[in-house]
């Protein structure tokens, strides 16, 4: 028995799964106190399913708290930034391209020290340990409790970052430390950004994970709990406390994994339609396609893994406006106030949900309250909704071949007609809680991203090493070794570098290893 929970900005969804069977599902408004919302949602599904708390083997939770906090500049800690890269990288200081308000909140406490590796892991310059110690003492003196350490080519060789961490702990034992090699990929500036973002969330991660623990304790659930990350797989609660940034965009990812499970498809277009936005992504081999470009989060460029998702201003709460003979839907939305302001709920504002009810797509609220809408307004609004989705689908496709489109989320009722460029439109059962289902079925992943010199090691040995490293990381994270499969291999020769330099990225995933009762 597994419980999946997705804590969104508007709703908290929960499901109870018995193997691959959905026993109960529930959707409720997210509360200001996160713990109360989780308790309410889980209590409801346990009561409906008849499952007792001791019978729950694991709980999987997805959350948008960390993404929202960073985007809204809320609860961020000042960070001590140590970059191990001199004499390189002196020309661009940390936080150079950050929005002024976030840089101000985090503070420009940065220290450049000598050290770093070459692309193949050989030492470029020895680590200046004294400079690291001096920086750590100054950070401690300023009362900064969170530190981000970034080294040149540290994803290839992390020894200097690890040594710097030891030095910082000696000088500032209470500091929370983030190593960039555990989060980002090779590009130093974007990886440093990701590490600093993670470090700024240290207090919030402890608070949120503590709220989750308190909620489960209140329900007498003693099973281990995991939190979903943005590649559709799981992290232990302890790991999330150290690396909350890896949960960014986990909401759309959970929905896509849930859509794959509910539809039985491994390759498809997915549209997750919520109250405010529609997230469109591509499902490849059962997992979301990853973005191949630098990802901007809250105005900051990063290079850690993120799903390739297109967010559109369309949802069940989208405002419908008639002007100059045209009907526009969104991007403004009434969001969680839908049940107060929409016509079918007794309000006085026309929403996308009202159009779906008037068109006969949905049976929500009081249908008589939209009986006065003209047929022209209804048709124009519905056509506009489908046009928005069709444009998003067209932007996400990589070929002209039609693909199935799976609709999930509470706003899936907005779309009923065939969308151009798709093979068919599927709205599976339990589509409204696909995000919670996606969390409940998530696997455990492992990944390696390194540069190998083929002239020295040979391609076969390099590939075997990369696969083995990815597999070991998955096992360390809690995957069952017998179920681990390779999801993706990326092999990119690096032009103008000696020794047959080639970047290899391998990603694997396996089922969560069952723990004895």
Protein backbone atom coordinates (compact mmCIF):
# COMPACT_ATOMS: atom_id res chain seq x y z
CA UNK A 1 0.00 0.00 0.00
CA UNK A 2 1.44 3.33 -1.08
CA UNK A 3 0.14 6.86 -0.62
CA UNK A 4 0.90 9.57 -3.16
CA UNK A 5 0.42 13.24 -2.29
CA UNK A 6 0.95 16.33 -4.43
CA UNK A 7 0.95 19.66 -2.58
CA UNK A 8 0.26 22.38 -5.12
CA UNK A 9 -0.28 26.08 -4.77
CA UNK A 10 -4.06 25.65 -5.19
CA UNK A 11 -4.92 22.04 -4.28
CA UNK A 12 -3.49 19.15 -2.30
CA UNK A 13 -4.22 15.81 -3.99
CA UNK A 14 -3.87 12.36 -2.44
CA UNK A 15 -4.31 8.76 -3.60
CA UNK A 16 -4.01 5.32 -2.03
CA UNK A 17 -2.48 2.71 -4.34
CA UNK A 18 -2.62 -1.05 -3.85
CA UNK A 19 0.12 -2.13 -6.23
CA UNK A 20 -1.10 -0.67 -9.53
CA UNK A 21 -4.72 -0.16 -8.42
CA UNK A 22 -6.13 3.18 -7.28
CA UNK A 23 -8.19 2.50 -4.14
CA UNK A 24 -9.16 6.09 -3.32
CA UNK A 25 -8.42 9.64 -4.46
CA UNK A 26 -9.14 13.06 -2.97
CA UNK A 27 -8.58 16.70 -3.93
CA UNK A 28 -8.77 19.52 -1.38
CA UNK A 29 -7.62 23.16 -1.17
CA UNK A 30 -4.02 23.65 -0.04
CA UNK A 31 -3.89 25.16 3.44
CA UNK A 32 -1.61 27.88 4.77
CA UNK A 33 -0.29 25.32 7.23
CA UNK A 34 1.05 22.60 4.90
CA UNK A 35 0.72 19.92 7.56
CA UNK A 36 -3.03 20.46 7.99
CA UNK A 37 -3.68 20.08 4.26
CA UNK A 38 -1.72 16.84 4.06
CA UNK A 39 -3.43 15.42 7.15
CA UNK A 40 -6.84 16.24 5.72
CA UNK A 41 -6.15 14.74 2.28
CA UNK A 42 -4.54 11.55 3.58
CA UNK A 43 -7.22 11.07 6.26
CA UNK A 44 -9.88 11.24 3.57
CA UNK A 45 -8.30 8.63 1.29
CA UNK A 46 -7.54 6.29 4.19
CA UNK A 47 -11.14 6.54 5.36
CA UNK A 48 -12.57 6.01 1.86
CA UNK A 49 -10.29 3.07 1.05
CA UNK A 50 -10.55 1.41 4.45
CA UNK A 51 -6.75 1.15 4.65
CA UNK A 52 -5.27 1.41 8.15
CA UNK A 53 -2.22 3.58 8.83
CA UNK A 54 0.00 0.61 9.85
CA UNK A 55 -0.66 -1.02 6.46
CA UNK A 56 0.93 1.86 4.55
CA UNK A 57 4.39 0.83 3.31
CA UNK A 58 5.56 4.19 1.96
CA UNK A 59 4.42 7.74 1.29
CA UNK A 60 5.51 9.80 -1.73
CA UNK A 61 5.05 13.57 -1.67
CA UNK A 62 5.41 16.14 -4.42
CA UNK A 63 5.60 19.82 -3.55
CA UNK A 64 5.95 23.23 -5.24
CA UNK A 65 6.98 25.01 -2.04
CA UNK A 66 10.62 25.47 -2.93
CA UNK A 67 9.98 26.68 -6.46
CA UNK A 68 7.38 29.16 -5.26
CA UNK A 69 9.62 30.44 -2.45
CA UNK A 70 12.47 31.22 -4.82
CA UNK A 71 10.28 32.79 -7.51
CA UNK A 72 8.51 34.90 -4.87
CA UNK A 73 11.83 35.75 -3.10
CA UNK A 74 10.40 34.42 0.15
CA UNK A 75 12.34 32.95 3.10
CA UNK A 76 15.74 32.97 1.34
CA UNK A 77 18.93 32.80 3.41
CA UNK A 78 22.09 34.84 2.79
CA UNK A 79 24.72 32.54 1.28
CA UNK A 80 28.50 32.40 1.52
CA UNK A 81 29.73 31.58 -2.01
CA UNK A 82 33.12 29.89 -2.42
CA UNK A 83 34.33 29.42 -6.01
CA UNK A 84 37.39 27.19 -6.54
CA UNK A 85 38.59 28.28 -9.97
CA UNK A 86 41.38 30.88 -9.82
CA UNK A 87 43.18 31.99 -11.87
CA UNK A 88 40.29 31.19 -14.25
CA UNK A 89 36.82 32.77 -14.07
CA UNK A 90 37.99 35.99 -12.40
CA UNK A 91 36.23 38.09 -15.05
CA UNK A 92 32.69 37.15 -14.02
CA UNK A 93 31.76 37.44 -10.36
CA UNK A 94 29.11 35.22 -8.69
CA UNK A 95 25.51 36.52 -8.98
CA UNK A 96 26.52 38.84 -11.83
CA UNK A 97 23.44 38.13 -13.97
CA UNK A 98 20.96 37.67 -11.10
CA UNK A 99 17.92 39.94 -10.70
CA UNK A 100 18.86 42.69 -8.24
CA UNK A 101 16.17 41.81 -5.69
CA UNK A 102 17.27 38.16 -5.33
CA UNK A 103 20.96 39.06 -5.27
CA UNK A 104 20.16 41.57 -2.53
CA UNK A 105 18.24 38.97 -0.49
CA UNK A 106 21.02 36.40 -0.74
CA UNK A 107 23.85 38.93 -0.35
CA UNK A 108 27.05 39.15 -2.33
CA UNK A 109 29.29 37.29 0.12
CA UNK A 110 31.59 35.61 -2.40
CA UNK A 111 35.15 34.35 -2.20
CA UNK A 112 37.33 33.29 -5.14
CA UNK A 113 40.11 30.82 -4.32
CA UNK A 114 42.76 29.04 -6.35
CA UNK A 115 42.13 25.50 -7.57
CA UNK A 116 40.14 23.39 -10.00
CA UNK A 117 40.45 20.61 -12.56
CA UNK A 118 40.77 20.28 -16.30
CA UNK A 119 37.99 18.80 -18.46
CA UNK A 120 39.31 15.24 -18.00
CA UNK A 121 39.72 15.42 -14.21
CA UNK A 122 43.43 16.27 -14.12
CA UNK A 123 44.48 19.01 -11.70
CA UNK A 124 44.59 22.46 -13.28
CA UNK A 125 45.68 24.24 -10.06
CA UNK A 126 46.09 22.92 -6.55
CA UNK A 127 43.47 23.91 -3.99
CA UNK A 128 44.43 26.90 -1.80
CA UNK A 129 43.26 25.42 1.49
CA UNK A 130 44.29 28.48 3.50
CA UNK A 131 42.08 30.73 1.35
CA UNK A 132 39.14 28.36 1.89
CA UNK A 133 39.71 28.47 5.66
CA UNK A 134 39.92 32.28 5.62
CA UNK A 135 36.64 32.46 3.69
CA UNK A 136 34.96 30.04 6.09
CA UNK A 137 36.06 32.07 9.12
CA UNK A 138 34.73 35.28 7.57
CA UNK A 139 31.43 33.62 6.70
CA UNK A 140 31.10 32.36 10.26
CA UNK A 141 31.96 35.80 11.66
CA UNK A 142 29.21 37.41 9.54
CA UNK A 143 26.66 34.94 10.92
CA UNK A 144 26.02 33.30 7.53
CA UNK A 145 24.74 29.78 8.09
CA UNK A 146 24.59 28.49 4.51
CA UNK A 147 27.53 28.00 2.13
CA UNK A 148 27.70 27.05 -1.57
CA UNK A 149 30.96 25.57 -2.89
CA UNK A 150 31.65 25.40 -6.63
CA UNK A 151 34.78 24.04 -8.31
CA UNK A 152 36.03 24.14 -11.87
CA UNK A 153 34.97 20.89 -13.63
CA UNK A 154 33.89 19.42 -10.26
CA UNK A 155 31.24 17.11 -11.84
CA UNK A 156 34.22 15.33 -13.45
CA UNK A 157 36.27 15.29 -10.24
CA UNK A 158 34.72 16.46 -6.97
CA UNK A 159 37.70 15.93 -4.64
CA UNK A 160 38.48 19.64 -4.18
CA UNK A 161 34.85 20.47 -3.38
CA UNK A 162 34.77 17.66 -0.83
CA UNK A 163 38.04 18.84 0.74
CA UNK A 164 36.74 22.43 0.86
CA UNK A 165 33.61 21.16 2.62
CA UNK A 166 35.79 19.54 5.30
CA UNK A 167 37.67 22.80 5.84
CA UNK A 168 34.48 24.86 6.08
CA UNK A 169 33.00 22.43 8.62
CA UNK A 170 36.10 22.81 10.80
CA UNK A 171 35.79 26.61 10.78
CA UNK A 172 31.98 26.90 10.74
CA UNK A 173 30.58 23.66 12.21
CA UNK A 174 26.96 24.85 12.17
CA UNK A 175 26.93 25.79 8.47
CA UNK A 176 24.75 24.02 5.93
CA UNK A 177 26.92 23.26 2.87
CA UNK A 178 25.92 22.71 -0.75
CA UNK A 179 28.37 21.19 -3.25
CA UNK A 180 27.66 22.13 -6.85
CA UNK A 181 28.87 18.75 -8.15
CA UNK A 182 25.86 17.11 -6.48
CA UNK A 183 23.38 19.29 -8.39
CA UNK A 184 24.48 20.81 -11.68
CA UNK A 185 26.36 19.85 -14.79
CA UNK A 186 29.68 20.94 -16.23
CA UNK A 187 29.15 24.69 -17.03
CA UNK A 188 30.54 26.46 -13.97
CA UNK A 189 28.44 29.67 -13.86
CA UNK A 190 25.03 27.98 -14.27
CA UNK A 191 26.09 25.20 -11.88
CA UNK A 192 27.19 27.78 -9.33
CA UNK A 193 23.82 29.50 -9.66
CA UNK A 194 22.03 26.22 -8.93
CA UNK A 195 24.21 25.61 -5.86
CA UNK A 196 23.57 29.11 -4.50
CA UNK A 197 19.83 28.74 -5.08
CA UNK A 198 19.89 25.47 -3.17
CA UNK A 199 21.89 26.96 -0.30
CA UNK A 200 19.44 29.86 0.02
CA UNK A 201 16.61 27.38 0.70
CA UNK A 202 18.32 25.54 3.57
CA UNK A 203 16.01 26.79 6.34
CA UNK A 204 12.85 26.38 4.29
CA UNK A 205 13.75 22.79 3.36
CA UNK A 206 14.10 21.85 7.02
CA UNK A 207 10.79 23.56 7.80
CA UNK A 208 8.83 21.93 4.96
CA UNK A 209 10.23 18.44 5.47
CA UNK A 210 9.55 18.84 9.20
CA UNK A 211 5.94 19.72 8.39
CA UNK A 212 5.63 16.56 6.32
CA UNK A 213 7.05 14.46 9.15
CA UNK A 214 4.66 16.06 11.65
CA UNK A 215 1.68 15.40 9.39
CA UNK A 216 2.50 11.70 9.01
CA UNK A 217 3.19 11.35 12.74
CA UNK A 218 -0.22 12.90 13.46
CA UNK A 219 -1.77 10.20 11.27
CA UNK A 220 0.25 7.46 13.03
CA UNK A 221 1.95 6.57 9.74
CA UNK A 222 5.42 5.23 10.53
CA UNK A 223 6.33 4.20 6.98
CA UNK A 224 9.25 5.99 5.31
CA UNK A 225 8.36 8.94 3.12
CA UNK A 226 10.00 10.22 -0.04
CA UNK A 227 9.75 13.42 -2.03
CA UNK A 228 9.60 13.51 -5.81
CA UNK A 229 12.25 15.32 -7.80
CA UNK A 230 12.05 16.98 -11.18
CA UNK A 231 13.07 13.98 -13.28
CA UNK A 232 10.07 11.91 -12.14
CA UNK A 233 11.94 9.88 -9.54
CA UNK A 234 12.26 9.93 -5.75
CA UNK A 235 14.56 11.30 -3.07
CA UNK A 236 14.67 10.38 0.58
CA UNK A 237 13.40 13.05 2.98
CA UNK A 238 16.94 13.45 4.35
CA UNK A 239 18.32 14.06 0.85
CA UNK A 240 15.65 16.70 0.13
CA UNK A 241 16.65 18.61 3.25
CA UNK A 242 20.12 18.94 1.72
CA UNK A 243 19.08 19.48 -1.92
CA UNK A 244 15.61 21.09 -2.11
CA UNK A 245 16.39 22.65 -5.49
CA UNK A 246 16.01 19.22 -7.12
CA UNK A 247 12.26 19.41 -6.49
CA UNK A 248 11.87 22.38 -8.86
CA UNK A 249 9.22 21.60 -11.53
CA UNK A 250 8.38 18.27 -9.88
CA UNK A 251 4.64 19.08 -10.11
CA UNK A 252 4.41 18.88 -13.92
CA UNK A 253 6.76 15.89 -13.84
CA UNK A 254 4.49 13.99 -11.44
CA UNK A 255 1.51 14.76 -13.66
CA UNK A 256 3.33 13.42 -16.72
CA UNK A 257 4.36 10.24 -14.93
CA UNK A 258 0.80 9.82 -13.71
CA UNK A 259 -0.49 10.36 -17.25
CA UNK A 260 1.85 7.64 -18.50
CA UNK A 261 0.53 5.23 -15.88
CA UNK A 262 -3.17 6.06 -16.42
CA UNK A 263 -3.02 5.97 -20.22
CA UNK A 264 -0.65 3.04 -20.58
CA UNK A 265 1.43 5.10 -23.05
CA UNK A 266 5.19 5.57 -22.90
CA UNK A 267 5.48 8.07 -25.76
CA UNK A 268 2.89 10.84 -25.94
CA UNK A 269 2.17 14.52 -25.52
CA UNK A 270 0.86 15.44 -22.07
CA UNK A 271 -1.17 18.52 -21.15
CA UNK A 272 -1.65 19.11 -17.42
CA UNK A 273 -4.44 21.68 -17.14
CA UNK A 274 -4.80 23.19 -13.70
CA UNK A 275 -6.63 26.18 -12.28
CA UNK A 276 -4.24 28.80 -13.64
CA UNK A 277 -1.85 27.25 -16.16
CA UNK A 278 -1.50 24.43 -18.64
CA UNK A 279 1.84 22.60 -18.68
CA UNK A 280 2.58 20.74 -21.90
CA UNK A 281 5.40 18.23 -22.10
CA UNK A 282 6.61 15.24 -24.08
CA UNK A 283 6.69 11.75 -22.64
CA UNK A 284 9.60 9.60 -23.87
CA UNK A 285 9.92 6.00 -22.66
CA UNK A 286 7.56 6.79 -19.80
CA UNK A 287 9.53 9.78 -18.47
CA UNK A 288 9.39 13.50 -19.27
CA UNK A 289 11.75 14.73 -21.96
CA UNK A 290 14.52 16.76 -20.33
CA UNK A 291 15.28 20.30 -21.38
CA UNK A 292 18.43 20.51 -23.51
CA UNK A 293 18.95 24.22 -22.91
CA UNK A 294 19.81 26.41 -19.93
CA UNK A 295 16.77 26.77 -17.69
CA UNK A 296 15.72 30.12 -16.26
CA UNK A 297 14.14 29.97 -12.80
CA UNK A 298 12.95 33.22 -11.28
CA UNK A 299 15.31 35.11 -13.59
CA UNK A 300 18.39 32.96 -12.77
CA UNK A 301 20.12 30.72 -15.34
CA UNK A 302 20.81 27.16 -14.19
CA UNK A 303 22.01 23.92 -15.79
CA UNK A 304 20.67 21.15 -13.57
CA UNK A 305 18.19 18.69 -15.01
CA UNK A 306 14.70 20.04 -15.65
CA UNK A 307 11.75 18.68 -17.61
CA UNK A 308 11.09 20.30 -20.97
CA UNK A 309 7.73 21.88 -20.15
CA UNK A 310 5.86 24.72 -21.83
CA UNK A 311 3.63 26.69 -19.44
CA UNK A 312 0.59 28.41 -20.95
CA UNK A 313 -1.81 30.86 -19.30
CA UNK A 314 -4.84 28.59 -19.56
CA UNK A 315 -6.70 26.89 -16.71
CA UNK A 316 -10.10 26.29 -15.21
CA UNK A 317 -9.97 29.70 -13.53
CA UNK A 318 -8.87 31.63 -16.64
CA UNK A 319 -10.86 34.82 -17.15
CA UNK A 320 -12.97 35.05 -20.32
CA UNK A 321 -13.20 38.53 -21.82
CA UNK A 322 -15.26 39.69 -24.81
CA UNK A 323 -13.86 42.73 -26.62
CA UNK A 324 -14.00 44.05 -30.19
CA UNK A 325 -15.98 41.07 -31.36
CA UNK A 326 -13.40 38.59 -30.04
CA UNK A 327 -13.38 36.24 -27.07
CA UNK A 328 -10.09 35.94 -25.16
CA UNK A 329 -9.37 33.26 -22.56
CA UNK A 330 -6.58 33.94 -20.01
CA UNK A 331 -3.81 34.43 -19.18
CA UNK A 332 -5.28 36.15 -16.11
CA UNK A 333 -6.97 33.73 -13.74
CA UNK A 334 -9.08 33.72 -10.60
CA UNK A 335 -7.05 30.68 -9.43
CA UNK A 336 -8.20 29.23 -6.11
CA UNK A 337 -11.06 31.78 -6.01
CA UNK A 338 -12.79 29.89 -8.82
CA UNK A 339 -15.37 28.40 -6.45
CA UNK A 340 -16.29 31.90 -5.26
CA UNK A 341 -16.15 34.02 -8.42
CA UNK A 342 -17.16 31.77 -11.37
CA UNK A 343 -20.75 32.01 -12.64
CA UNK A 344 -21.58 28.35 -12.02
CA UNK A 345 -20.55 28.77 -8.36
CA UNK A 346 -22.69 31.85 -7.78
CA UNK A 347 -20.14 34.50 -8.71
CA UNK A 348 -20.31 37.19 -11.35
CA UNK A 349 -17.16 36.53 -13.43
CA UNK A 350 -17.06 34.46 -16.64
CA UNK A 351 -14.38 31.76 -16.53
CA UNK A 352 -13.12 28.94 -18.73
CA UNK A 353 -14.93 26.51 -16.44
CA UNK A 354 -18.20 28.31 -17.14
CA UNK A 355 -17.62 27.82 -20.87
CA UNK A 356 -16.98 24.09 -20.37
CA UNK A 357 -20.21 23.74 -18.39
CA UNK A 358 -22.21 25.76 -20.94
CA UNK A 359 -20.81 23.64 -23.80
CA UNK A 360 -21.78 20.42 -22.03
CA UNK A 361 -18.18 19.35 -21.47
CA UNK A 362 -18.48 19.39 -17.69
CA UNK A 363 -21.17 19.02 -15.03
CA UNK A 364 -19.91 21.37 -12.33
CA UNK A 365 -21.82 23.79 -10.12
CA UNK A 366 -25.18 25.26 -11.20
CA UNK A 367 -25.55 24.93 -14.98
CA UNK A 368 -28.59 27.23 -15.01
CA UNK A 369 -26.35 30.20 -14.21
CA UNK A 370 -24.68 29.99 -17.65
CA UNK A 371 -27.90 29.39 -19.59
CA UNK A 372 -27.90 33.03 -20.68
CA UNK A 373 -24.55 32.83 -22.51
CA UNK A 374 -24.95 33.17 -26.28
CA UNK A 375 -24.08 30.25 -28.53
CA UNK A 376 -21.59 32.52 -30.33
CA UNK A 377 -19.74 33.37 -27.09
CA UNK A 378 -19.59 29.71 -26.05
CA UNK A 379 -18.29 28.55 -29.44
CA UNK A 380 -15.74 31.36 -29.73
CA UNK A 381 -14.45 30.68 -26.20
CA UNK A 382 -14.20 26.92 -26.69
CA UNK A 383 -12.44 27.45 -30.03
CA UNK A 384 -9.98 29.80 -28.34
CA UNK A 385 -9.22 27.23 -25.62
CA UNK A 386 -8.51 24.56 -28.23
CA UNK A 387 -6.37 26.99 -30.24
CA UNK A 388 -4.20 27.73 -27.18
CA UNK A 389 -3.63 24.01 -26.58
CA UNK A 390 -3.01 23.34 -30.28
CA UNK A 391 -0.36 26.09 -30.43
CA UNK A 392 1.35 24.64 -27.35
CA UNK A 393 1.32 21.13 -28.83
CA UNK A 394 2.82 22.43 -32.06
CA UNK A 395 5.65 24.14 -30.16
CA UNK A 396 6.50 20.99 -28.18
CA UNK A 397 6.50 18.48 -31.03
CA UNK A 398 9.80 17.60 -32.66
CA UNK A 399 8.31 16.08 -35.83
CA UNK A 400 5.23 16.45 -38.00
CA UNK A 401 4.02 12.97 -37.10
CA UNK A 402 0.78 13.07 -35.05
CA UNK A 403 1.05 11.78 -31.47
CA UNK A 404 -1.53 10.89 -28.81
CA UNK A 405 -2.43 13.75 -26.45
CA UNK A 406 -3.21 12.81 -22.84
CA UNK A 407 -5.10 15.40 -20.79
CA UNK A 408 -4.77 15.39 -17.00
CA UNK A 409 -5.43 17.83 -14.16
CA UNK A 410 -8.64 19.31 -12.84
CA UNK A 411 -8.98 21.48 -15.96
CA UNK A 412 -8.86 18.57 -18.42
CA UNK A 413 -12.61 19.05 -18.94
CA UNK A 414 -11.88 22.22 -20.92
CA UNK A 415 -10.78 20.25 -23.98
CA UNK A 416 -12.99 17.75 -25.74
CA UNK A 417 -12.46 18.16 -29.50
CA UNK A 418 -9.60 16.75 -31.55
CA UNK A 419 -6.51 18.96 -31.29
CA UNK A 420 -4.70 19.53 -34.62
CA UNK A 421 -1.41 17.66 -34.84
CA UNK A 422 -2.49 14.90 -32.46
CA UNK A 423 -3.49 11.31 -33.14
CA UNK A 424 -6.19 11.21 -30.48
CA UNK A 425 -7.19 12.99 -27.28
CA UNK A 426 -7.30 10.84 -24.14
CA UNK A 427 -8.74 11.84 -20.74
CA UNK A 428 -8.09 8.81 -18.52
CA UNK A 429 -9.98 7.88 -15.38
CA UNK A 430 -8.59 9.68 -12.29
CA UNK A 431 -7.03 12.33 -14.58
CA UNK A 432 -7.74 14.98 -11.94
CA UNK A 433 -5.26 13.42 -9.49
CA UNK A 434 -2.64 12.27 -12.00
CA UNK A 435 -0.02 14.30 -10.09
CA UNK A 436 -0.55 12.34 -6.88
CA UNK A 437 -0.58 9.05 -8.82
CA UNK A 438 2.67 10.06 -10.50
CA UNK A 439 4.23 10.65 -7.09
CA UNK A 440 3.01 7.29 -5.79
CA UNK A 441 4.49 5.24 -8.65
CA UNK A 442 7.80 7.11 -8.88
CA UNK A 443 11.04 5.18 -9.13
CA UNK A 444 14.55 5.92 -7.90
CA UNK A 445 17.15 7.23 -10.35
CA UNK A 446 20.90 7.57 -10.69
CA UNK A 447 22.85 9.69 -13.13
CA UNK A 448 26.42 10.40 -14.14
CA UNK A 449 27.66 13.21 -16.39
CA UNK A 450 31.40 13.14 -17.11
CA UNK A 451 34.02 13.84 -19.75
CA UNK A 452 36.18 10.86 -20.78
CA UNK A 453 39.34 10.81 -22.90
CA UNK A 454 38.70 7.98 -25.37
CA UNK A 455 42.36 7.90 -26.45
CA UNK A 456 43.32 6.86 -22.93
CA UNK A 457 40.42 4.66 -21.82
CA UNK A 458 38.72 3.53 -25.00
CA UNK A 459 35.03 4.02 -25.72
CA UNK A 460 33.84 0.68 -24.34
CA UNK A 461 35.58 1.09 -20.98
CA UNK A 462 34.41 4.70 -20.65
CA UNK A 463 30.81 3.76 -21.37
CA UNK A 464 30.95 0.84 -18.93
CA UNK A 465 32.34 3.13 -16.23
CA UNK A 466 29.59 5.72 -16.79
CA UNK A 467 26.86 3.07 -16.65
CA UNK A 468 28.33 1.57 -13.48
CA UNK A 469 28.53 4.98 -11.77
CA UNK A 470 24.90 5.77 -12.62
CA UNK A 471 23.80 2.36 -11.37
CA UNK A 472 25.71 2.74 -8.08
CA UNK A 473 24.13 6.16 -7.47
CA UNK A 474 20.67 4.69 -8.01
CA UNK A 475 21.36 1.86 -5.55
CA UNK A 476 22.73 4.37 -3.04
CA UNK A 477 19.51 6.38 -3.40
CA UNK A 478 17.39 3.30 -2.59
CA UNK A 479 16.73 1.53 -5.89
CA UNK A 480 16.26 -2.23 -6.13
CA UNK A 481 19.34 -3.43 -8.11
CA UNK A 482 17.29 -6.10 -9.88
CA UNK A 483 14.94 -3.53 -11.43
CA UNK A 484 17.41 -0.89 -12.63
CA UNK A 485 17.14 -0.02 -16.31
CA UNK A 486 18.97 2.50 -18.48
CA UNK A 487 16.66 5.35 -19.47
CA UNK A 488 18.97 7.55 -21.48
CA UNK A 489 22.53 7.70 -22.83
CA UNK A 490 23.97 10.89 -24.26
CA UNK A 491 27.38 10.83 -25.95
CA UNK A 492 28.78 14.14 -27.21
CA UNK A 493 32.32 14.47 -28.69
CA UNK A 494 33.93 17.75 -27.55
CA UNK A 495 35.44 19.54 -30.53
CA UNK A 496 38.88 21.15 -30.25
CA UNK A 497 39.76 19.21 -27.09
CA UNK A 498 42.65 16.70 -27.14
CA UNK A 499 42.59 13.00 -26.36
CA UNK A 500 39.24 12.18 -27.98
CA UNK A 501 37.39 14.04 -25.21
CA UNK A 502 33.76 12.97 -25.09
CA UNK A 503 31.00 13.90 -22.66
CA UNK A 504 28.92 10.91 -21.54
CA UNK A 505 25.67 11.25 -19.61
CA UNK A 506 23.90 8.10 -18.44
CA UNK A 507 20.63 8.00 -16.53
CA UNK A 508 19.11 4.89 -14.96
CA UNK A 509 16.06 4.19 -12.79
CA UNK A 510 14.67 1.31 -10.75
CA UNK A 511 11.86 0.50 -8.37
CA UNK A 512 12.07 1.53 -4.75
CA UNK A 513 13.69 -1.25 -2.72
CA UNK A 514 11.10 -2.69 -0.36
CA UNK A 515 11.96 -2.35 3.30
CA UNK A 516 11.15 -5.13 5.73
CA UNK A 517 8.19 -4.40 8.00
